[in-house]
């Protein structure tokens, strides 16, 4: 059975939440969330860039 992007994404989100819970200080949590959000923005820009190249 082929895995869907949604499954991969939700599992990644779940792992991220578990990691967040293990971090002790609020500062660590905020820093990690900021890093994850930035990663998401970069990935989105990259995906949009690929889509724009694919379009005729």
PDB file of N, CA and C in Angstrom:
ATOM      1  N   UNK A   1       0.846  -1.208   0.000  1.00  0.00           N
ATOM      2  CA  UNK A   1       0.000   0.000   0.000  1.00  0.00           C
ATOM      3  C   UNK A   1       0.877   1.253   0.000  1.00  0.00           C
ATOM      4  N   UNK A   2       0.546   2.167  -0.879  1.00  0.00           N
ATOM      5  CA  UNK A   2       1.355   3.379  -1.001  1.00  0.00           C
ATOM      6  C   UNK A   2       1.034   4.345   0.136  1.00  0.00           C
ATOM      7  N   UNK A   3       2.083   4.889   0.710  1.00  0.00           N
ATOM      8  CA  UNK A   3       1.885   5.867   1.783  1.00  0.00           C
ATOM      9  C   UNK A   3       1.522   7.214   1.170  1.00  0.00           C
ATOM     10  N   UNK A   4       0.641   7.910   1.836  1.00  0.00           N
ATOM     11  CA  UNK A   4       0.252   9.223   1.325  1.00  0.00           C
ATOM     12  C   UNK A   4       1.082  10.313   1.988  1.00  0.00           C
ATOM     13  N   UNK A   5       1.164  11.460   1.324  1.00  0.00           N
ATOM     14  CA  UNK A   5       1.865  12.608   1.898  1.00  0.00           C
ATOM     15  C   UNK A   5       1.217  13.005   3.220  1.00  0.00           C
ATOM     16  N   UNK A   6      -0.100  12.880   3.274  1.00  0.00           N
ATOM     17  CA  UNK A   6      -0.826  13.263   4.487  1.00  0.00           C
ATOM     18  C   UNK A   6      -0.407  12.385   5.662  1.00  0.00           C
ATOM     19  N   UNK A   7      -0.257  11.071   5.417  1.00  0.00           N
ATOM     20  CA  UNK A   7       0.192  10.175   6.488  1.00  0.00           C
ATOM     21  C   UNK A   7       1.571  10.586   6.974  1.00  0.00           C
ATOM     22  N   UNK A   8       2.480  10.818   6.017  1.00  0.00           N
ATOM     23  CA  UNK A   8       3.837  11.207   6.386  1.00  0.00           C
ATOM     24  C   UNK A   8       3.826  12.510   7.175  1.00  0.00           C
ATOM     25  N   UNK A   9       3.014  13.462   6.721  1.00  0.00           N
ATOM     26  CA  UNK A   9       2.952  14.769   7.369  1.00  0.00           C
ATOM     27  C   UNK A   9       2.400  14.653   8.782  1.00  0.00           C
ATOM     28  N   UNK A  10       1.330  13.878   8.948  1.00  0.00           N
ATOM     29  CA  UNK A  10       0.738  13.771  10.284  1.00  0.00           C
ATOM     30  C   UNK A  10       1.664  13.015  11.232  1.00  0.00           C
ATOM     31  N   UNK A  11       2.384  12.023  10.718  1.00  0.00           N
ATOM     32  CA  UNK A  11       3.334  11.315  11.577  1.00  0.00           C
ATOM     33  C   UNK A  11       4.484  12.230  11.974  1.00  0.00           C
ATOM     34  N   UNK A  12       4.935  13.051  11.044  1.00  0.00           N
ATOM     35  CA  UNK A  12       6.006  14.001  11.349  1.00  0.00           C
ATOM     36  C   UNK A  12       5.529  15.002  12.399  1.00  0.00           C
ATOM     37  N   UNK A  13       4.294  15.460  12.250  1.00  0.00           N
ATOM     38  CA  UNK A  13       3.733  16.407  13.220  1.00  0.00           C
ATOM     39  C   UNK A  13       3.625  15.750  14.596  1.00  0.00           C
ATOM     40  N   UNK A  14       3.224  14.486  14.607  1.00  0.00           N
ATOM     41  CA  UNK A  14       3.097  13.761  15.869  1.00  0.00           C
ATOM     42  C   UNK A  14       4.463  13.620  16.548  1.00  0.00           C
ATOM     43  N   UNK A  15       5.487  13.256  15.772  1.00  0.00           N
ATOM     44  CA  UNK A  15       6.830  13.135  16.336  1.00  0.00           C
ATOM     45  C   UNK A  15       7.306  14.476  16.873  1.00  0.00           C
ATOM     46  N   UNK A  16       6.975  15.549  16.155  1.00  0.00           N
ATOM     47  CA  UNK A  16       7.382  16.880  16.596  1.00  0.00           C
ATOM     48  C   UNK A  16       6.736  17.210  17.941  1.00  0.00           C
ATOM     49  N   UNK A  17       5.449  16.881  18.087  1.00  0.00           N
ATOM     50  CA  UNK A  17       4.766  17.161  19.350  1.00  0.00           C
ATOM     51  C   UNK A  17       5.397  16.365  20.493  1.00  0.00           C
ATOM     52  N   UNK A  18       5.740  15.097  20.234  1.00  0.00           N
ATOM     53  CA  UNK A  18       6.379  14.294  21.277  1.00  0.00           C
ATOM     54  C   UNK A  18       7.723  14.900  21.667  1.00  0.00           C
ATOM     55  N   UNK A  19       8.464  15.388  20.673  1.00  0.00           N
ATOM     56  CA  UNK A  19       9.754  16.021  20.960  1.00  0.00           C
ATOM     57  C   UNK A  19       9.547  17.292  21.774  1.00  0.00           C
ATOM     58  N   UNK A  20       8.524  18.042  21.412  1.00  0.00           N
ATOM     59  CA  UNK A  20       8.229  19.282  22.147  1.00  0.00           C
ATOM     60  C   UNK A  20       7.941  18.978  23.616  1.00  0.00           C
ATOM     61  N   UNK A  21       7.188  17.903  23.857  1.00  0.00           N
ATOM     62  CA  UNK A  21       6.838  17.562  25.233  1.00  0.00           C
ATOM     63  C   UNK A  21       8.071  17.166  26.038  1.00  0.00           C
ATOM     64  N   UNK A  22       9.067  16.591  25.368  1.00  0.00           N
ATOM     65  CA  UNK A  22      10.278  16.178  26.082  1.00  0.00           C
ATOM     66  C   UNK A  22      11.172  17.360  26.445  1.00  0.00           C
ATOM     67  N   UNK A  23      11.079  18.440  25.674  1.00  0.00           N
ATOM     68  CA  UNK A  23      11.910  19.611  25.986  1.00  0.00           C
ATOM     69  C   UNK A  23      11.433  20.222  27.302  1.00  0.00           C
ATOM     70  N   UNK A  24      12.352  20.644  28.104  1.00  0.00           N
ATOM     71  CA  UNK A  24      11.973  21.125  29.431  1.00  0.00           C
ATOM     72  C   UNK A  24      11.510  22.587  29.442  1.00  0.00           C
ATOM     73  N   UNK A  25      12.372  23.476  28.994  1.00  0.00           N
ATOM     74  CA  UNK A  25      12.074  24.897  29.194  1.00  0.00           C
ATOM     75  C   UNK A  25      11.184  25.470  28.087  1.00  0.00           C
ATOM     76  N   UNK A  26      10.356  26.447  28.439  1.00  0.00           N
ATOM     77  CA  UNK A  26       9.516  27.126  27.446  1.00  0.00           C
ATOM     78  C   UNK A  26      10.362  27.743  26.331  1.00  0.00           C
ATOM     79  N   UNK A  27      11.556  28.243  26.690  1.00  0.00           N
ATOM     80  CA  UNK A  27      12.423  28.852  25.677  1.00  0.00           C
ATOM     81  C   UNK A  27      12.809  27.827  24.618  1.00  0.00           C
ATOM     82  N   UNK A  28      13.116  26.601  25.057  1.00  0.00           N
ATOM     83  CA  UNK A  28      13.463  25.540  24.107  1.00  0.00           C
ATOM     84  C   UNK A  28      12.287  25.238  23.179  1.00  0.00           C
ATOM     85  N   UNK A  29      11.085  25.208  23.760  1.00  0.00           N
ATOM     86  CA  UNK A  29       9.895  24.908  22.967  1.00  0.00           C
ATOM     87  C   UNK A  29       9.676  25.975  21.896  1.00  0.00           C
ATOM     88  N   UNK A  30       9.776  27.229  22.303  1.00  0.00           N
ATOM     89  CA  UNK A  30       9.559  28.335  21.369  1.00  0.00           C
ATOM     90  C   UNK A  30      10.602  28.308  20.254  1.00  0.00           C
ATOM     91  N   UNK A  31      11.860  28.091  20.646  1.00  0.00           N
ATOM     92  CA  UNK A  31      12.941  28.051  19.662  1.00  0.00           C
ATOM     93  C   UNK A  31      12.701  26.937  18.641  1.00  0.00           C
ATOM     94  N   UNK A  32      12.292  25.769  19.128  1.00  0.00           N
ATOM     95  CA  UNK A  32      12.081  24.647  18.221  1.00  0.00           C
ATOM     96  C   UNK A  32      10.903  24.903  17.289  1.00  0.00           C
ATOM     97  N   UNK A  33       9.823  25.465  17.837  1.00  0.00           N
ATOM     98  CA  UNK A  33       8.664  25.762  16.994  1.00  0.00           C
ATOM     99  C   UNK A  33       9.029  26.778  15.921  1.00  0.00           C
ATOM    100  N   UNK A  34       9.813  27.794  16.289  1.00  0.00           N
ATOM    101  CA  UNK A  34      10.248  28.790  15.310  1.00  0.00           C
ATOM    102  C   UNK A  34      11.041  28.131  14.189  1.00  0.00           C
ATOM    103  N   UNK A  35      11.943  27.214  14.559  1.00  0.00           N
ATOM    104  CA  UNK A  35      12.741  26.512  13.550  1.00  0.00           C
ATOM    105  C   UNK A  35      11.846  25.688  12.634  1.00  0.00           C
ATOM    106  N   UNK A  36      10.871  24.988  13.208  1.00  0.00           N
ATOM    107  CA  UNK A  36       9.972  24.148  12.409  1.00  0.00           C
ATOM    108  C   UNK A  36       9.142  25.003  11.455  1.00  0.00           C
ATOM    109  N   UNK A  37       8.656  26.154  11.947  1.00  0.00           N
ATOM    110  CA  UNK A  37       7.846  27.025  11.099  1.00  0.00           C
ATOM    111  C   UNK A  37       8.676  27.542   9.938  1.00  0.00           C
ATOM    112  N   UNK A  38       9.919  27.892  10.203  1.00  0.00           N
ATOM    113  CA  UNK A  38      10.802  28.372   9.142  1.00  0.00           C
ATOM    114  C   UNK A  38      11.051  27.258   8.129  1.00  0.00           C
ATOM    115  N   UNK A  39      11.275  26.030   8.602  1.00  0.00           N
ATOM    116  CA  UNK A  39      11.456  24.897   7.692  1.00  0.00           C
ATOM    117  C   UNK A  39      10.230  24.736   6.804  1.00  0.00           C
ATOM    118  N   UNK A  40       9.053  24.880   7.399  1.00  0.00           N
ATOM    119  CA  UNK A  40       7.811  24.755   6.639  1.00  0.00           C
ATOM    120  C   UNK A  40       7.712  25.817   5.559  1.00  0.00           C
ATOM    121  N   UNK A  41       8.094  27.048   5.904  1.00  0.00           N
ATOM    122  CA  UNK A  41       8.056  28.132   4.919  1.00  0.00           C
ATOM    123  C   UNK A  41       9.007  27.858   3.770  1.00  0.00           C
ATOM    124  N   UNK A  42      10.207  27.390   4.090  1.00  0.00           N
ATOM    125  CA  UNK A  42      11.193  27.089   3.054  1.00  0.00           C
ATOM    126  C   UNK A  42      10.674  25.982   2.140  1.00  0.00           C
ATOM    127  N   UNK A  43      10.119  24.925   2.736  1.00  0.00           N
ATOM    128  CA  UNK A  43       9.599  23.811   1.934  1.00  0.00           C
ATOM    129  C   UNK A  43       8.457  24.273   1.036  1.00  0.00           C
ATOM    130  N   UNK A  44       7.576  25.132   1.565  1.00  0.00           N
ATOM    131  CA  UNK A  44       6.455  25.624   0.770  1.00  0.00           C
ATOM    132  C   UNK A  44       6.948  26.442  -0.412  1.00  0.00           C
ATOM    133  N   UNK A  45       7.929  27.332  -0.136  1.00  0.00           N
ATOM    134  CA  UNK A  45       8.486  28.140  -1.229  1.00  0.00           C
ATOM    135  C   UNK A  45       9.107  27.251  -2.292  1.00  0.00           C
ATOM    136  N   UNK A  46       9.830  26.231  -1.855  1.00  0.00           N
ATOM    137  CA  UNK A  46      10.482  25.319  -2.784  1.00  0.00           C
ATOM    138  C   UNK A  46       9.437  24.577  -3.623  1.00  0.00           C
ATOM    139  N   UNK A  47       8.372  24.110  -2.970  1.00  0.00           N
ATOM    140  CA  UNK A  47       7.303  23.395  -3.671  1.00  0.00           C
ATOM    141  C   UNK A  47       6.639  24.304  -4.699  1.00  0.00           C
ATOM    142  N   UNK A  48       6.357  25.550  -4.308  1.00  0.00           N
ATOM    143  CA  UNK A  48       5.744  26.493  -5.244  1.00  0.00           C
ATOM    144  C   UNK A  48       6.678  26.763  -6.409  1.00  0.00           C
ATOM    145  N   UNK A  49       7.966  26.853  -6.123  1.00  0.00           N
ATOM    146  CA  UNK A  49       8.970  27.075  -7.156  1.00  0.00           C
ATOM    147  C   UNK A  49       8.944  25.913  -8.159  1.00  0.00           C
ATOM    148  N   UNK A  50       8.892  24.684  -7.658  1.00  0.00           N
ATOM    149  CA  UNK A  50       8.843  23.517  -8.544  1.00  0.00           C
ATOM    150  C   UNK A  50       7.565  23.518  -9.373  1.00  0.00           C
ATOM    151  N   UNK A  51       6.446  23.859  -8.746  1.00  0.00           N
ATOM    152  CA  UNK A  51       5.173  23.891  -9.469  1.00  0.00           C
ATOM    153  C   UNK A  51       5.222  24.915 -10.596  1.00  0.00           C
ATOM    154  N   UNK A  52       5.800  26.076 -10.316  1.00  0.00           N
ATOM    155  CA  UNK A  52       5.828  27.132 -11.334  1.00  0.00           C
ATOM    156  C   UNK A  52       6.716  26.728 -12.510  1.00  0.00           C
ATOM    157  N   UNK A  53       7.758  25.946 -12.242  1.00  0.00           N
ATOM    158  CA  UNK A  53       8.626  25.484 -13.327  1.00  0.00           C
ATOM    159  C   UNK A  53       7.920  24.445 -14.185  1.00  0.00           C
ATOM    160  N   UNK A  54       7.063  23.643 -13.552  1.00  0.00           N
ATOM    161  CA  UNK A  54       6.392  22.553 -14.251  1.00  0.00           C
ATOM    162  C   UNK A  54       5.304  23.080 -15.189  1.00  0.00           C
ATOM    163  N   UNK A  55       4.656  24.156 -14.783  1.00  0.00           N
ATOM    164  CA  UNK A  55       3.564  24.701 -15.596  1.00  0.00           C
ATOM    165  C   UNK A  55       4.105  25.201 -16.938  1.00  0.00           C
ATOM    166  N   UNK A  56       3.354  24.943 -18.014  1.00  0.00           N
ATOM    167  CA  UNK A  56       3.805  25.372 -19.348  1.00  0.00           C
ATOM    168  C   UNK A  56       3.822  26.882 -19.502  1.00  0.00           C
TER     169      UNK A  56
END
